[in-house]
Amino acid sequence: MNDFEPFKFSIAEVKSATSSVPEKDWRLLRRLEIPDHFNNPRGGVLKRGLVIDVEATGLSLENDDVIQLAMLPFDYEADSGRIICVHKDNAFEALREPSVPISEEASILTGITDKMVSGQSINEQAVASVVDTSDLIIAHNARFDRAMVEKHWQCFTEKPWGCSFSSVDWLREGFSAGKLDYLGMQFGWFYDGHRALSDCEACLALLAQTLPSSKQRVLSVVRETAQQTEYLVCAVGSPFEEKDTLRSRGYRWRPDGLSNGKVWWTTCLDPEAEVAWLRSNVYHFEKVIPVQEVTAMTRFSDRMWDF
């Protein structure tokens, strides 16, 4: 629970005082309205977080480009994960003209057209001034957002990142999907999605929630996951006929043409066990298998492939 809710009105203002319908039989969706404070401070050590969101010309990390960037700073207690203050006055949102045309699908989703971004640019110093004060950057699908922003703004490479999408086992917490708009509805709100700052606000509201199964705050789970050291394991030269074995294990394909590409790969916490599994189930013989350390400084970034 938070001291302040992200809504303009309470359920009591909508529900009839004489209603006999039990609350378990209905659900109310309210428009999301981020408060200036989610909680009153309790003396814990405060850290500065930064939620970011990117809108792009499409979904390809290699071929598409940024058309909108938004950032929303906030303070939180490191020990409890309670979000305290939202720095709305320092929120950032801007459009930029991309190097490729906006796809029809992206324009429909975001409402952003080629005409709207024509001649627009994003000041690098303005971006850095927001990023530099932050201790942790969080995105909902950081694998996409980090790769896109690091193409243009060096400051994003110098900070640790977390992801509210991949860090939480949403299925085990009782949710059938991890999309931001769906999760918001499950927690009781709707919002005007697919514009960058609105998505930042929705992500921040999600970080403030307590998970129904583990009873942890979403922000605490994201931070704990970010602080873990993982290992990139590459199944180099794996037999073609073992592709389904690798895929069922959770391996992904990195295409040819990318740095250290044309390989099945995964990340794990125990690289020795993973290498042993590869030798036993994929290669069936001794094999030198590349292993690369991954931390919050490189996680979700193409720089994790610099080896």
Protein backbone atom coordinates (compact mmCIF):
# COMPACT_ATOMS: atom_id res chain seq x y z
CA MET A 1 0.00 0.00 0.00
CA ASN A 2 1.00 3.60 -0.60
CA ASP A 3 0.12 6.65 1.45
CA PHE A 4 -1.32 8.36 -1.64
CA GLU A 5 -3.16 6.77 -4.56
CA PRO A 6 -2.55 7.65 -8.23
CA PHE A 7 -6.17 8.67 -8.82
CA LYS A 8 -8.21 11.86 -8.74
CA PHE A 9 -11.11 10.34 -6.79
CA SER A 10 -11.79 7.46 -4.39
CA ILE A 11 -13.93 4.38 -4.96
CA ALA A 12 -16.30 5.65 -2.26
CA GLU A 13 -17.14 8.65 -4.47
CA VAL A 14 -18.43 6.30 -7.17
CA LYS A 15 -19.95 3.45 -5.21
CA SER A 16 -23.42 3.96 -3.81
CA ALA A 17 -23.55 3.92 0.00
CA THR A 18 -26.68 1.75 -0.19
CA SER A 19 -25.26 -0.76 -2.68
CA SER A 20 -25.52 -4.37 -1.57
CA VAL A 21 -23.28 -5.72 -4.35
CA PRO A 22 -20.11 -7.18 -2.77
CA GLU A 23 -16.85 -5.68 -4.01
CA LYS A 24 -15.57 -9.11 -5.07
CA ASP A 25 -18.14 -9.08 -7.86
CA TRP A 26 -17.05 -5.89 -9.60
CA ARG A 27 -13.96 -3.89 -10.47
CA LEU A 28 -13.52 -0.16 -11.04
CA LEU A 29 -11.05 1.28 -13.53
CA ARG A 30 -9.96 4.87 -12.92
CA ARG A 31 -7.88 7.18 -15.07
CA LEU A 32 -4.29 7.21 -13.85
CA GLU A 33 -3.21 10.49 -12.29
CA ILE A 34 0.26 10.38 -10.77
CA PRO A 35 0.48 12.15 -7.38
CA ASP A 36 3.36 14.43 -6.41
CA HIS A 37 4.13 11.99 -3.58
CA PHE A 38 3.35 8.28 -3.37
CA ASN A 39 4.45 7.99 0.27
CA ASN A 40 5.61 10.08 3.19
CA PRO A 41 9.32 9.57 4.00
CA ARG A 42 10.22 7.35 6.96
CA GLY A 43 13.88 8.23 7.28
CA GLY A 44 15.28 5.67 4.86
CA VAL A 45 18.15 6.42 2.48
CA LEU A 46 16.74 8.15 -0.60
CA LYS A 47 17.87 7.29 -4.12
CA ARG A 48 16.97 8.91 -7.44
CA GLY A 49 15.32 6.68 -10.04
CA LEU A 50 14.45 7.55 -13.61
CA VAL A 51 11.69 5.97 -15.67
CA ILE A 52 12.16 6.33 -19.41
CA ASP A 53 10.15 5.42 -22.49
CA VAL A 54 10.92 5.59 -26.19
CA GLU A 55 8.60 5.72 -29.17
CA ALA A 56 10.19 4.65 -32.43
CA THR A 57 9.55 4.28 -36.16
CA GLY A 58 9.02 0.54 -35.62
CA LEU A 59 10.09 -2.43 -33.54
CA SER A 60 13.42 -3.32 -35.15
CA LEU A 61 16.44 -2.60 -32.95
CA GLU A 62 18.70 -2.61 -35.99
CA ASN A 63 16.63 -0.67 -38.54
CA ASP A 64 14.25 1.65 -36.64
CA ASP A 65 14.92 4.97 -34.93
CA VAL A 66 13.72 7.11 -32.01
CA ILE A 67 10.90 9.59 -32.64
CA GLN A 68 10.07 10.48 -29.02
CA LEU A 69 11.87 10.28 -25.68
CA ALA A 70 10.33 10.82 -22.25
CA MET A 71 11.88 10.67 -18.79
CA LEU A 72 10.31 10.96 -15.33
CA PRO A 73 12.59 11.25 -12.24
CA PHE A 74 11.51 10.09 -8.80
CA ASP A 75 12.95 9.53 -5.31
CA TYR A 76 12.57 6.24 -3.46
CA GLU A 77 13.71 4.59 -0.22
CA ALA A 78 16.44 2.09 -1.04
CA ASP A 79 15.65 -0.32 1.80
CA SER A 80 11.87 -0.52 1.36
CA GLY A 81 11.34 0.28 -2.32
CA ARG A 82 8.71 2.85 -1.34
CA ILE A 83 8.45 5.63 -3.92
CA ILE A 84 8.43 8.99 -2.16
CA CYS A 85 8.52 12.01 -4.47
CA VAL A 86 7.78 12.32 -8.18
CA HIS A 87 9.75 15.15 -9.79
CA LYS A 88 7.13 16.25 -12.28
CA ASP A 89 8.83 19.62 -12.77
CA ASN A 90 11.88 17.79 -14.12
CA ALA A 91 9.93 15.49 -16.44
CA PHE A 92 11.21 15.47 -20.00
CA GLU A 93 9.40 14.76 -23.28
CA ALA A 94 10.50 15.68 -26.79
CA LEU A 95 10.14 14.61 -30.42
CA ARG A 96 12.92 14.07 -32.93
CA GLU A 97 13.10 13.57 -36.68
CA PRO A 98 14.29 9.99 -37.33
CA SER A 99 16.64 8.75 -40.01
CA VAL A 100 13.92 6.52 -41.50
CA PRO A 101 10.17 7.09 -42.10
CA ILE A 102 7.67 6.23 -39.38
CA SER A 103 5.90 2.96 -40.16
CA GLU A 104 2.14 3.00 -40.55
CA GLU A 105 1.75 0.73 -37.53
CA ALA A 106 3.88 2.98 -35.29
CA SER A 107 1.99 6.06 -36.42
CA ILE A 108 -1.36 4.42 -35.66
CA LEU A 109 -0.17 3.33 -32.20
CA THR A 110 1.47 6.59 -31.14
CA GLY A 111 -0.43 9.19 -33.15
CA ILE A 112 2.95 10.60 -34.21
CA THR A 113 3.38 11.36 -37.91
CA ASP A 114 6.35 12.22 -40.12
CA LYS A 115 5.00 15.76 -40.35
CA MET A 116 4.98 16.16 -36.54
CA VAL A 117 8.65 15.20 -36.19
CA SER A 118 9.94 17.03 -39.26
CA GLY A 119 12.79 19.34 -38.19
CA GLN A 120 12.55 18.27 -34.53
CA SER A 121 15.66 17.36 -32.51
CA ILE A 122 16.46 16.48 -28.90
CA ASN A 123 19.17 18.45 -27.12
CA GLU A 124 21.88 16.12 -25.83
CA GLN A 125 22.76 18.35 -22.87
CA ALA A 126 19.13 18.52 -21.80
CA VAL A 127 18.94 14.72 -21.79
CA ALA A 128 22.23 14.39 -19.88
CA SER A 129 21.12 16.87 -17.22
CA VAL A 130 18.23 14.55 -16.30
CA VAL A 131 20.12 11.28 -16.64
CA ASP A 132 23.24 12.34 -14.73
CA THR A 133 21.36 12.83 -11.43
CA SER A 134 19.86 9.33 -11.51
CA ASP A 135 21.12 6.21 -9.74
CA LEU A 136 19.02 3.71 -11.71
CA ILE A 137 17.20 3.88 -15.05
CA ILE A 138 14.07 1.75 -15.47
CA ALA A 139 12.02 0.99 -18.57
CA HIS A 140 9.17 -1.42 -19.25
CA ASN A 141 11.01 -3.51 -21.87
CA ALA A 142 14.48 -2.11 -21.33
CA ARG A 143 15.87 -4.44 -24.00
CA PHE A 144 14.25 -2.18 -26.59
CA ASP A 145 14.52 1.23 -24.92
CA ARG A 146 18.17 0.96 -23.90
CA ALA A 147 19.32 -0.18 -27.32
CA MET A 148 17.45 2.69 -28.95
CA VAL A 149 18.64 5.53 -26.70
CA GLU A 150 22.26 4.40 -26.65
CA LYS A 151 22.37 5.02 -30.40
CA HIS A 152 22.03 8.75 -29.72
CA TRP A 153 22.90 9.69 -26.13
CA GLN A 154 26.14 8.55 -24.50
CA CYS A 155 24.89 9.36 -20.98
CA PHE A 156 22.62 6.29 -21.01
CA THR A 157 25.65 3.98 -21.28
CA GLU A 158 27.03 5.27 -17.98
CA LYS A 159 24.13 4.24 -15.73
CA PRO A 160 22.78 0.91 -14.42
CA TRP A 161 19.46 -0.23 -15.86
CA GLY A 162 16.49 -2.23 -14.64
CA CYS A 163 13.39 -3.56 -16.40
CA SER A 164 9.89 -3.71 -14.96
CA PHE A 165 8.83 -6.16 -17.68
CA SER A 166 11.50 -8.86 -17.52
CA SER A 167 12.50 -8.60 -13.84
CA VAL A 168 9.14 -9.73 -12.48
CA ASP A 169 7.69 -13.21 -12.96
CA TRP A 170 4.29 -11.82 -13.82
CA LEU A 171 2.78 -15.26 -14.45
CA ARG A 172 3.70 -16.52 -10.97
CA GLU A 173 2.32 -13.29 -9.52
CA GLY A 174 -1.07 -14.13 -11.05
CA PHE A 175 -1.01 -12.16 -14.32
CA SER A 176 -1.42 -13.75 -17.75
CA ALA A 177 0.69 -11.12 -19.53
CA GLY A 178 3.28 -8.44 -18.82
CA LYS A 179 2.11 -5.65 -21.09
CA LEU A 180 1.97 -2.30 -19.36
CA ASP A 181 -1.64 -1.43 -20.22
CA TYR A 182 -2.88 -4.87 -19.16
CA LEU A 183 -1.03 -4.74 -15.83
CA GLY A 184 -2.41 -1.27 -15.20
CA MET A 185 -5.96 -2.52 -15.64
CA GLN A 186 -5.28 -5.35 -13.21
CA PHE A 187 -4.17 -2.79 -10.63
CA GLY A 188 -7.21 -0.61 -11.32
CA TRP A 189 -6.26 2.09 -13.81
CA PHE A 190 -6.31 3.03 -17.48
CA TYR A 191 -4.30 5.71 -19.27
CA ASP A 192 -3.63 7.15 -22.71
CA GLY A 193 -0.92 4.73 -23.75
CA HIS A 194 1.72 4.72 -26.49
CA ARG A 195 2.85 8.27 -25.91
CA ALA A 196 6.16 8.32 -24.12
CA LEU A 197 5.41 10.38 -21.00
CA SER A 198 2.08 8.62 -20.40
CA ASP A 199 3.90 5.30 -20.54
CA CYS A 200 6.49 6.63 -18.07
CA GLU A 201 3.73 7.54 -15.63
CA ALA A 202 2.14 4.11 -16.02
CA CYS A 203 5.49 2.41 -15.42
CA LEU A 204 6.09 4.51 -12.31
CA ALA A 205 2.64 3.65 -10.94
CA LEU A 206 3.41 -0.01 -11.56
CA LEU A 207 6.73 0.24 -9.69
CA ALA A 208 4.82 1.58 -6.68
CA GLN A 209 2.55 -1.46 -6.44
CA THR A 210 2.84 -4.47 -4.15
CA LEU A 211 2.81 -7.83 -5.92
CA PRO A 212 -0.11 -10.07 -4.90
CA SER A 213 1.81 -13.34 -4.48
CA SER A 214 5.32 -12.44 -3.24
CA LYS A 215 4.09 -9.31 -1.39
CA GLN A 216 7.17 -7.44 -2.59
CA ARG A 217 7.06 -3.99 -4.10
CA VAL A 218 7.64 -4.06 -7.84
CA LEU A 219 10.48 -1.53 -7.51
CA SER A 220 12.26 -3.73 -4.95
CA VAL A 221 12.12 -6.72 -7.30
CA VAL A 222 13.43 -4.64 -10.21
CA ARG A 223 16.34 -3.32 -8.10
CA GLU A 224 17.24 -6.76 -6.74
CA THR A 225 17.29 -8.21 -10.24
CA ALA A 226 19.37 -5.30 -11.54
CA GLN A 227 21.97 -5.89 -8.82
CA GLN A 228 22.50 -9.52 -9.83
CA THR A 229 25.46 -10.57 -11.95
CA GLU A 230 24.39 -12.71 -14.88
CA TYR A 231 26.40 -14.47 -17.55
CA LEU A 232 25.95 -14.45 -21.29
CA VAL A 233 26.42 -17.98 -22.63
CA CYS A 234 26.79 -18.48 -26.39
CA ALA A 235 26.18 -21.84 -28.06
CA VAL A 236 28.73 -21.18 -30.81
CA GLY A 237 28.75 -23.62 -33.71
CA SER A 238 25.84 -25.60 -32.31
CA PRO A 239 24.46 -28.31 -34.63
CA PHE A 240 21.51 -27.11 -36.73
CA GLU A 241 19.40 -30.07 -35.67
CA GLU A 242 19.65 -28.94 -32.03
CA LYS A 243 17.91 -25.57 -32.62
CA ASP A 244 14.63 -26.79 -31.11
CA THR A 245 16.48 -28.12 -28.06
CA LEU A 246 18.07 -24.71 -27.55
CA ARG A 247 14.84 -22.84 -28.17
CA SER A 248 12.96 -24.96 -25.62
CA ARG A 249 15.70 -24.17 -23.10
CA GLY A 250 15.05 -20.44 -23.63
CA TYR A 251 17.92 -19.65 -25.98
CA ARG A 252 17.50 -16.81 -28.48
CA TRP A 253 18.96 -16.42 -31.95
CA ARG A 254 21.34 -13.53 -32.64
CA PRO A 255 21.36 -12.91 -36.39
CA ASP A 256 24.38 -12.85 -38.66
CA GLY A 257 25.63 -9.33 -39.34
CA LEU A 258 25.55 -8.28 -35.68
CA SER A 259 28.62 -8.28 -33.46
CA ASN A 260 29.33 -11.91 -32.46
CA GLY A 261 26.15 -12.89 -34.27
CA LYS A 262 24.86 -16.07 -35.92
CA VAL A 263 24.60 -17.80 -32.55
CA TRP A 264 22.07 -19.12 -30.05
CA TRP A 265 22.46 -17.44 -26.67
CA THR A 266 21.02 -17.08 -23.18
CA THR A 267 21.80 -15.40 -19.87
CA CYS A 268 21.96 -17.27 -16.58
CA LEU A 269 23.16 -17.02 -12.98
CA ASP A 270 25.16 -20.28 -13.02
CA PRO A 271 27.34 -20.40 -16.14
CA GLU A 272 29.15 -23.61 -15.16
CA ALA A 273 25.85 -25.50 -14.98
CA GLU A 274 24.70 -24.03 -18.28
CA VAL A 275 27.93 -24.93 -20.07
CA ALA A 276 27.65 -28.47 -18.68
CA TRP A 277 24.09 -28.69 -20.02
CA LEU A 278 25.23 -27.55 -23.48
CA ARG A 279 28.02 -30.10 -23.63
CA SER A 280 25.67 -32.88 -22.54
CA ASN A 281 22.54 -32.01 -24.53
CA VAL A 282 23.70 -30.05 -27.58
CA TYR A 283 27.32 -30.81 -28.45
CA HIS A 284 27.69 -34.25 -26.83
CA PHE A 285 31.45 -33.58 -26.54
CA GLU A 286 33.86 -31.14 -24.93
CA LYS A 287 33.50 -27.66 -26.43
CA VAL A 288 34.95 -24.23 -25.66
CA ILE A 289 31.89 -22.08 -24.97
CA PRO A 290 32.17 -18.29 -24.60
CA VAL A 291 30.88 -16.87 -21.31
CA GLN A 292 30.60 -13.11 -20.70
CA GLU A 293 29.74 -11.32 -17.44
CA VAL A 294 26.62 -9.14 -17.58
CA THR A 295 25.74 -6.48 -14.99
CA ALA A 296 23.26 -3.62 -14.80
CA MET A 297 25.82 -1.48 -16.62
CA THR A 298 25.61 -3.60 -19.78
CA ARG A 299 22.38 -5.58 -19.40
CA PHE A 300 19.92 -4.89 -22.27
CA SER A 301 22.69 -3.08 -24.17
CA ASP A 302 24.35 -4.20 -27.38
CA ARG A 303 27.62 -3.52 -25.52
CA MET A 304 27.22 -6.83 -23.70
CA TRP A 305 28.36 -8.35 -27.01
CA ASP A 306 31.69 -6.50 -26.99
CA PHE A 307 34.05 -9.43 -26.41
